[in-house]
Amino acid sequence: MTSTGAAGPPDTFAFEDGDTLLLYTDGVIEARAPDGSFYPLAQRVGQWRCSGPEGLLHHLRRDLLDHVGGRLGDDAAMVVIQRSPALHPVQQLKKMVPVNGAHR
């Protein structure tokens, strides 16, 4: 195996409370409609950004299959990760204390 040199540091981005990250394989963006057009993921994903992770995957899957006419010609995978709001120390403590307040 040969090396072509250092690629440099990886790209970084802020992943803040409420942000959603969509990971997908090339089988998603290379999926073709019967007319030969590629699936327009970047244009479509924004339509369902408020659907939550499961809703987003549901809508994208259905839309992708509609785009290709019902059957993919290649494997495709998508994963949605959504960052939950961070809990403040008081909220974390409340989660650890039993609801009825009993301690032993």
C-alpha atoms as a PDB file:
ATOM      1  CA  MET A   1       0.000   0.000   0.000  1.00  0.00           C
ATOM      2  CA  THR A   2       1.369   3.403  -0.883  1.00  0.00           C
ATOM      3  CA  SER A   3       0.643   6.715   0.716  1.00  0.00           C
ATOM      4  CA  THR A   4      -0.151   9.842  -1.277  1.00  0.00           C
ATOM      5  CA  GLY A   5       0.665  12.190   1.602  1.00  0.00           C
ATOM      6  CA  ALA A   6      -1.129  13.577   4.591  1.00  0.00           C
ATOM      7  CA  ALA A   7      -4.770  14.386   4.029  1.00  0.00           C
ATOM      8  CA  GLY A   8      -4.811  17.061   6.700  1.00  0.00           C
ATOM      9  CA  PRO A   9      -7.079  17.322   9.717  1.00  0.00           C
ATOM     10  CA  PRO A  10     -10.618  16.017   9.350  1.00  0.00           C
ATOM     11  CA  ASP A  11     -13.441  18.476   8.914  1.00  0.00           C
ATOM     12  CA  THR A  12     -15.217  19.323  12.147  1.00  0.00           C
ATOM     13  CA  PHE A  13     -18.578  20.839  12.906  1.00  0.00           C
ATOM     14  CA  ALA A  14     -20.613  21.846  15.928  1.00  0.00           C
ATOM     15  CA  PHE A  15     -23.256  19.289  16.918  1.00  0.00           C
ATOM     16  CA  GLU A  16     -25.466  21.206  19.302  1.00  0.00           C
ATOM     17  CA  ASP A  17     -28.670  20.485  21.224  1.00  0.00           C
ATOM     18  CA  GLY A  18     -31.503  19.645  18.842  1.00  0.00           C
ATOM     19  CA  ASP A  19     -29.234  19.215  15.800  1.00  0.00           C
ATOM     20  CA  THR A  20     -29.881  16.280  13.478  1.00  0.00           C
ATOM     21  CA  LEU A  21     -27.210  14.396  11.546  1.00  0.00           C
ATOM     22  CA  LEU A  22     -28.107  12.240   8.536  1.00  0.00           C
ATOM     23  CA  LEU A  23     -25.595   9.608   7.453  1.00  0.00           C
ATOM     24  CA  TYR A  24     -26.191   7.801   4.160  1.00  0.00           C
ATOM     25  CA  THR A  25     -24.490   5.549   1.662  1.00  0.00           C
ATOM     26  CA  ASP A  26     -23.938   6.302  -1.997  1.00  0.00           C
ATOM     27  CA  GLY A  27     -26.839   3.984  -2.813  1.00  0.00           C
ATOM     28  CA  VAL A  28     -29.164   6.762  -1.639  1.00  0.00           C
ATOM     29  CA  ILE A  29     -27.789   9.642  -3.710  1.00  0.00           C
ATOM     30  CA  GLU A  30     -27.028   7.454  -6.731  1.00  0.00           C
ATOM     31  CA  ALA A  31     -30.536   5.957  -6.859  1.00  0.00           C
ATOM     32  CA  ARG A  32     -32.018   6.714 -10.261  1.00  0.00           C
ATOM     33  CA  ALA A  33     -35.581   7.365 -11.357  1.00  0.00           C
ATOM     34  CA  PRO A  34     -36.878   5.631 -14.484  1.00  0.00           C
ATOM     35  CA  ASP A  35     -35.916   8.800 -16.451  1.00  0.00           C
ATOM     36  CA  GLY A  36     -32.297   8.448 -15.224  1.00  0.00           C
ATOM     37  CA  SER A  37     -32.297  11.339 -12.741  1.00  0.00           C
ATOM     38  CA  PHE A  38     -30.502  10.868  -9.422  1.00  0.00           C
ATOM     39  CA  TYR A  39     -32.391  11.096  -6.125  1.00  0.00           C
ATOM     40  CA  PRO A  40     -32.265  14.781  -5.017  1.00  0.00           C
ATOM     41  CA  LEU A  41     -31.515  14.138  -1.326  1.00  0.00           C
ATOM     42  CA  ALA A  42     -30.279  17.667  -0.555  1.00  0.00           C
ATOM     43  CA  GLN A  43     -33.482  19.167  -1.954  1.00  0.00           C
ATOM     44  CA  ARG A  44     -35.827  16.705  -0.267  1.00  0.00           C
ATOM     45  CA  VAL A  45     -34.389  16.265   3.235  1.00  0.00           C
ATOM     46  CA  GLY A  46     -35.412  19.753   4.369  1.00  0.00           C
ATOM     47  CA  GLN A  47     -39.095  18.964   3.830  1.00  0.00           C
ATOM     48  CA  TRP A  48     -39.170  16.682   6.866  1.00  0.00           C
ATOM     49  CA  ARG A  49     -36.596  18.259   9.190  1.00  0.00           C
ATOM     50  CA  CYS A  50     -39.187  18.701  11.967  1.00  0.00           C
ATOM     51  CA  SER A  51     -40.374  15.076  11.817  1.00  0.00           C
ATOM     52  CA  GLY A  52     -37.886  13.718  14.359  1.00  0.00           C
ATOM     53  CA  PRO A  53     -35.359  10.985  13.537  1.00  0.00           C
ATOM     54  CA  GLU A  54     -37.855   8.165  12.935  1.00  0.00           C
ATOM     55  CA  GLY A  55     -40.203  10.371  10.920  1.00  0.00           C
ATOM     56  CA  LEU A  56     -37.335  11.688   8.811  1.00  0.00           C
ATOM     57  CA  LEU A  57     -36.193   8.152   7.964  1.00  0.00           C
ATOM     58  CA  HIS A  58     -39.761   7.087   7.200  1.00  0.00           C
ATOM     59  CA  HIS A  59     -40.361   9.989   4.813  1.00  0.00           C
ATOM     60  CA  LEU A  60     -36.971   9.659   3.118  1.00  0.00           C
ATOM     61  CA  ARG A  61     -37.392   5.917   2.589  1.00  0.00           C
ATOM     62  CA  ARG A  62     -40.857   6.315   1.093  1.00  0.00           C
ATOM     63  CA  ASP A  63     -39.748   9.242  -1.099  1.00  0.00           C
ATOM     64  CA  LEU A  64     -36.647   7.381  -2.270  1.00  0.00           C
ATOM     65  CA  LEU A  65     -38.674   4.338  -3.259  1.00  0.00           C
ATOM     66  CA  ASP A  66     -41.226   6.547  -5.037  1.00  0.00           C
ATOM     67  CA  HIS A  67     -38.367   8.241  -6.914  1.00  0.00           C
ATOM     68  CA  VAL A  68     -36.965   4.958  -8.239  1.00  0.00           C
ATOM     69  CA  GLY A  69     -40.331   3.440  -9.058  1.00  0.00           C
ATOM     70  CA  GLY A  70     -40.575   1.120  -6.075  1.00  0.00           C
ATOM     71  CA  ARG A  71     -37.349  -0.848  -6.200  1.00  0.00           C
ATOM     72  CA  LEU A  72     -33.726   0.139  -5.581  1.00  0.00           C
ATOM     73  CA  GLY A  73     -31.079  -1.138  -7.953  1.00  0.00           C
ATOM     74  CA  ASP A  74     -28.348  -0.989  -5.289  1.00  0.00           C
ATOM     75  CA  ASP A  75     -28.075  -1.278  -1.529  1.00  0.00           C
ATOM     76  CA  ALA A  76     -28.780   1.864   0.457  1.00  0.00           C
ATOM     77  CA  ALA A  77     -28.566   2.767   4.124  1.00  0.00           C
ATOM     78  CA  MET A  78     -29.481   5.822   6.197  1.00  0.00           C
ATOM     79  CA  VAL A  79     -28.952   6.621   9.867  1.00  0.00           C
ATOM     80  CA  VAL A  80     -30.343   9.668  11.646  1.00  0.00           C
ATOM     81  CA  ILE A  81     -28.789  10.912  14.888  1.00  0.00           C
ATOM     82  CA  GLN A  82     -30.401  13.709  16.854  1.00  0.00           C
ATOM     83  CA  ARG A  83     -28.700  15.361  19.801  1.00  0.00           C
ATOM     84  CA  SER A  84     -30.957  15.696  22.819  1.00  0.00           C
ATOM     85  CA  PRO A  85     -30.766  18.856  24.892  1.00  0.00           C
ATOM     86  CA  ALA A  86     -28.120  18.624  27.580  1.00  0.00           C
ATOM     87  CA  LEU A  87     -29.387  18.219  31.119  1.00  0.00           C
ATOM     88  CA  HIS A  88     -28.254  20.691  33.717  1.00  0.00           C
ATOM     89  CA  PRO A  89     -26.801  19.195  36.940  1.00  0.00           C
ATOM     90  CA  VAL A  90     -30.082  19.840  38.809  1.00  0.00           C
ATOM     91  CA  GLN A  91     -32.065  18.002  36.127  1.00  0.00           C
ATOM     92  CA  GLN A  92     -29.638  15.081  36.278  1.00  0.00           C
ATOM     93  CA  LEU A  93     -29.992  14.928  40.072  1.00  0.00           C
ATOM     94  CA  LYS A  94     -33.789  14.947  39.811  1.00  0.00           C
ATOM     95  CA  LYS A  95     -33.598  11.980  37.433  1.00  0.00           C
ATOM     96  CA  MET A  96     -31.613  10.018  40.039  1.00  0.00           C
ATOM     97  CA  VAL A  97     -33.903  10.784  42.999  1.00  0.00           C
ATOM     98  CA  PRO A  98     -36.932   8.443  43.303  1.00  0.00           C
ATOM     99  CA  VAL A  99     -40.268  10.073  42.537  1.00  0.00           C
ATOM    100  CA  ASN A 100     -41.665   9.443  46.007  1.00  0.00           C
ATOM    101  CA  GLY A 101     -38.539  10.969  47.585  1.00  0.00           C
ATOM    102  CA  ALA A 102     -37.761   7.855  49.673  1.00  0.00           C
ATOM    103  CA  HIS A 103     -34.072   7.296  50.337  1.00  0.00           C
ATOM    104  CA  ARG A 104     -32.472   4.321  51.977  1.00  0.00           C
END
